[in-house]
Amino acid sequence: MSFPDAAQRHIGFALKSAQFGEKHLDAKPLRGFGGTSVQEIVENCGGYTYRAIYTVQFKEVICVLHAFQKKSKSGSATPRHDIDLIKERLRYAKELYNKKLF
């Protein structure tokens, strides 16, 4: 909720598209996750970059793994601590899904 309204609308629309089985034009696979099941939406707004990472690998469930403002001014790579957090949350989401908790 701390993202600017324009970034919230853009990312929200992309997530809604994913819920309906569509892929938003701005959604792209996040590198390092072996395929297209983990997607990234990038929105530039007010001179800042906002990102949302989600997975579509679970039947009938879209799971947002992380949303953050990119702080680094150099390079477009996702910072290591964010990648580690995404991997941890993906493992946890798999556990919950396998236990049929969502």
C-alpha atoms as a PDB file:
ATOM      1  CA  MET A   1       0.000   0.000   0.000  1.00  0.00           C
ATOM      2  CA  SER A   2       3.021   2.284   0.216  1.00  0.00           C
ATOM      3  CA  PHE A   3       3.425   2.334  -3.564  1.00  0.00           C
ATOM      4  CA  PRO A   4       2.166   5.417  -5.415  1.00  0.00           C
ATOM      5  CA  ASP A   5      -1.388   5.124  -6.746  1.00  0.00           C
ATOM      6  CA  ALA A   6      -0.232   4.835 -10.370  1.00  0.00           C
ATOM      7  CA  ALA A   7       2.133   1.967  -9.517  1.00  0.00           C
ATOM      8  CA  GLN A   8      -0.585   0.218  -7.479  1.00  0.00           C
ATOM      9  CA  ARG A   9      -3.049   0.456 -10.360  1.00  0.00           C
ATOM     10  CA  HIS A  10      -0.557  -0.801 -12.945  1.00  0.00           C
ATOM     11  CA  ILE A  11       0.669  -3.733 -10.855  1.00  0.00           C
ATOM     12  CA  GLY A  12      -2.863  -4.509  -9.661  1.00  0.00           C
ATOM     13  CA  PHE A  13      -4.134  -4.673 -13.237  1.00  0.00           C
ATOM     14  CA  ALA A  14      -1.280  -6.985 -14.221  1.00  0.00           C
ATOM     15  CA  LEU A  15      -2.070  -9.275 -11.271  1.00  0.00           C
ATOM     16  CA  LYS A  16      -5.756  -9.286 -12.154  1.00  0.00           C
ATOM     17  CA  SER A  17      -4.832 -10.293 -15.705  1.00  0.00           C
ATOM     18  CA  ALA A  18      -2.848 -13.217 -14.273  1.00  0.00           C
ATOM     19  CA  GLN A  19      -5.868 -14.255 -12.181  1.00  0.00           C
ATOM     20  CA  PHE A  20      -7.832 -14.611 -15.409  1.00  0.00           C
ATOM     21  CA  GLY A  21      -5.111 -16.715 -17.028  1.00  0.00           C
ATOM     22  CA  GLU A  22      -3.677 -13.907 -19.119  1.00  0.00           C
ATOM     23  CA  LYS A  23      -0.177 -12.499 -19.163  1.00  0.00           C
ATOM     24  CA  HIS A  24       0.138  -8.730 -18.955  1.00  0.00           C
ATOM     25  CA  LEU A  25       2.487  -7.174 -21.506  1.00  0.00           C
ATOM     26  CA  ASP A  26       4.752  -5.929 -18.704  1.00  0.00           C
ATOM     27  CA  ALA A  27       4.998  -9.282 -16.911  1.00  0.00           C
ATOM     28  CA  LYS A  28       8.183 -11.191 -17.607  1.00  0.00           C
ATOM     29  CA  PRO A  29       9.836 -14.270 -16.122  1.00  0.00           C
ATOM     30  CA  LEU A  30      12.163 -13.532 -13.225  1.00  0.00           C
ATOM     31  CA  ARG A  31      15.641 -14.831 -14.022  1.00  0.00           C
ATOM     32  CA  GLY A  32      17.047 -17.607 -11.909  1.00  0.00           C
ATOM     33  CA  PHE A  33      13.764 -19.436 -11.288  1.00  0.00           C
ATOM     34  CA  GLY A  34      13.928 -21.854 -14.232  1.00  0.00           C
ATOM     35  CA  GLY A  35      11.020 -21.021 -16.440  1.00  0.00           C
ATOM     36  CA  THR A  36       7.959 -18.845 -16.544  1.00  0.00           C
ATOM     37  CA  SER A  37       6.173 -19.774 -13.318  1.00  0.00           C
ATOM     38  CA  VAL A  38       7.711 -16.849 -11.377  1.00  0.00           C
ATOM     39  CA  GLN A  39       6.863 -13.524 -13.001  1.00  0.00           C
ATOM     40  CA  GLU A  40       7.987  -9.954 -12.398  1.00  0.00           C
ATOM     41  CA  ILE A  41       6.105  -6.731 -13.057  1.00  0.00           C
ATOM     42  CA  VAL A  42       8.181  -3.564 -13.176  1.00  0.00           C
ATOM     43  CA  GLU A  43       6.624  -0.093 -12.958  1.00  0.00           C
ATOM     44  CA  ASN A  44       8.551   3.168 -13.160  1.00  0.00           C
ATOM     45  CA  CYS A  45       6.734   5.975 -11.414  1.00  0.00           C
ATOM     46  CA  GLY A  46       7.901   9.365 -10.158  1.00  0.00           C
ATOM     47  CA  GLY A  47      11.536   8.584 -10.844  1.00  0.00           C
ATOM     48  CA  TYR A  48      11.458   5.341  -8.851  1.00  0.00           C
ATOM     49  CA  THR A  49      11.132   1.700  -9.869  1.00  0.00           C
ATOM     50  CA  TYR A  50       8.592  -0.593  -8.225  1.00  0.00           C
ATOM     51  CA  ARG A  51       8.525  -4.349  -8.639  1.00  0.00           C
ATOM     52  CA  ALA A  52       6.089  -7.113  -7.798  1.00  0.00           C
ATOM     53  CA  ILE A  53       7.018 -10.785  -8.016  1.00  0.00           C
ATOM     54  CA  TYR A  54       4.351 -13.477  -8.209  1.00  0.00           C
ATOM     55  CA  THR A  55       3.964 -17.111  -9.153  1.00  0.00           C
ATOM     56  CA  VAL A  56       1.361 -18.848 -11.286  1.00  0.00           C
ATOM     57  CA  GLN A  57       2.587 -22.388 -10.642  1.00  0.00           C
ATOM     58  CA  PHE A  58      -0.303 -23.326  -8.352  1.00  0.00           C
ATOM     59  CA  LYS A  59      -3.633 -24.388  -9.812  1.00  0.00           C
ATOM     60  CA  GLU A  60      -6.251 -21.632  -9.416  1.00  0.00           C
ATOM     61  CA  VAL A  61      -3.966 -19.519  -7.182  1.00  0.00           C
ATOM     62  CA  ILE A  62      -1.861 -16.442  -7.892  1.00  0.00           C
ATOM     63  CA  CYS A  63       0.644 -15.951  -5.090  1.00  0.00           C
ATOM     64  CA  VAL A  64       2.406 -12.594  -4.703  1.00  0.00           C
ATOM     65  CA  LEU A  65       5.831 -13.392  -3.291  1.00  0.00           C
ATOM     66  CA  HIS A  66       7.317  -9.918  -2.900  1.00  0.00           C
ATOM     67  CA  ALA A  67       6.660  -6.272  -3.787  1.00  0.00           C
ATOM     68  CA  PHE A  68       9.290  -3.604  -3.291  1.00  0.00           C
ATOM     69  CA  GLN A  69      10.791  -0.337  -4.440  1.00  0.00           C
ATOM     70  CA  LYS A  70      14.146  -0.870  -6.105  1.00  0.00           C
ATOM     71  CA  LYS A  71      16.675   1.312  -4.334  1.00  0.00           C
ATOM     72  CA  SER A  72      19.815   0.812  -6.424  1.00  0.00           C
ATOM     73  CA  LYS A  73      20.441   3.392  -9.110  1.00  0.00           C
ATOM     74  CA  SER A  74      22.955   1.224 -10.967  1.00  0.00           C
ATOM     75  CA  GLY A  75      21.901  -1.816 -12.935  1.00  0.00           C
ATOM     76  CA  SER A  76      18.592  -3.549 -13.278  1.00  0.00           C
ATOM     77  CA  ALA A  77      19.461  -6.765 -11.437  1.00  0.00           C
ATOM     78  CA  THR A  78      17.285  -7.735  -8.505  1.00  0.00           C
ATOM     79  CA  PRO A  79      19.331  -7.425  -5.291  1.00  0.00           C
ATOM     80  CA  ARG A  80      20.543 -10.706  -3.752  1.00  0.00           C
ATOM     81  CA  HIS A  81      18.618 -10.243  -0.477  1.00  0.00           C
ATOM     82  CA  ASP A  82      15.375  -9.792  -2.441  1.00  0.00           C
ATOM     83  CA  ILE A  83      16.069 -12.940  -4.501  1.00  0.00           C
ATOM     84  CA  ASP A  84      16.726 -14.900  -1.300  1.00  0.00           C
ATOM     85  CA  LEU A  85      13.468 -13.624   0.211  1.00  0.00           C
ATOM     86  CA  ILE A  86      11.531 -14.573  -2.940  1.00  0.00           C
ATOM     87  CA  LYS A  87      13.016 -18.099  -2.887  1.00  0.00           C
ATOM     88  CA  GLU A  88      12.129 -18.500   0.794  1.00  0.00           C
ATOM     89  CA  ARG A  89       8.553 -17.323   0.229  1.00  0.00           C
ATOM     90  CA  LEU A  90       8.180 -19.593  -2.815  1.00  0.00           C
ATOM     91  CA  ARG A  91       9.264 -22.607  -0.732  1.00  0.00           C
ATOM     92  CA  TYR A  92       6.769 -21.628   1.965  1.00  0.00           C
ATOM     93  CA  ALA A  93       3.976 -21.156  -0.588  1.00  0.00           C
ATOM     94  CA  LYS A  94       4.680 -24.639  -1.973  1.00  0.00           C
ATOM     95  CA  GLU A  95       4.406 -26.091   1.527  1.00  0.00           C
ATOM     96  CA  LEU A  96       1.075 -24.359   2.130  1.00  0.00           C
ATOM     97  CA  TYR A  97      -0.260 -25.407  -1.261  1.00  0.00           C
ATOM     98  CA  ASN A  98       0.775 -29.042  -0.777  1.00  0.00           C
ATOM     99  CA  LYS A  99      -0.970 -29.054   2.622  1.00  0.00           C
ATOM    100  CA  LYS A 100      -4.042 -27.586   0.877  1.00  0.00           C
ATOM    101  CA  LEU A 101      -3.991 -24.517   3.113  1.00  0.00           C
ATOM    102  CA  PHE A 102      -4.824 -22.195   0.210  1.00  0.00           C
END
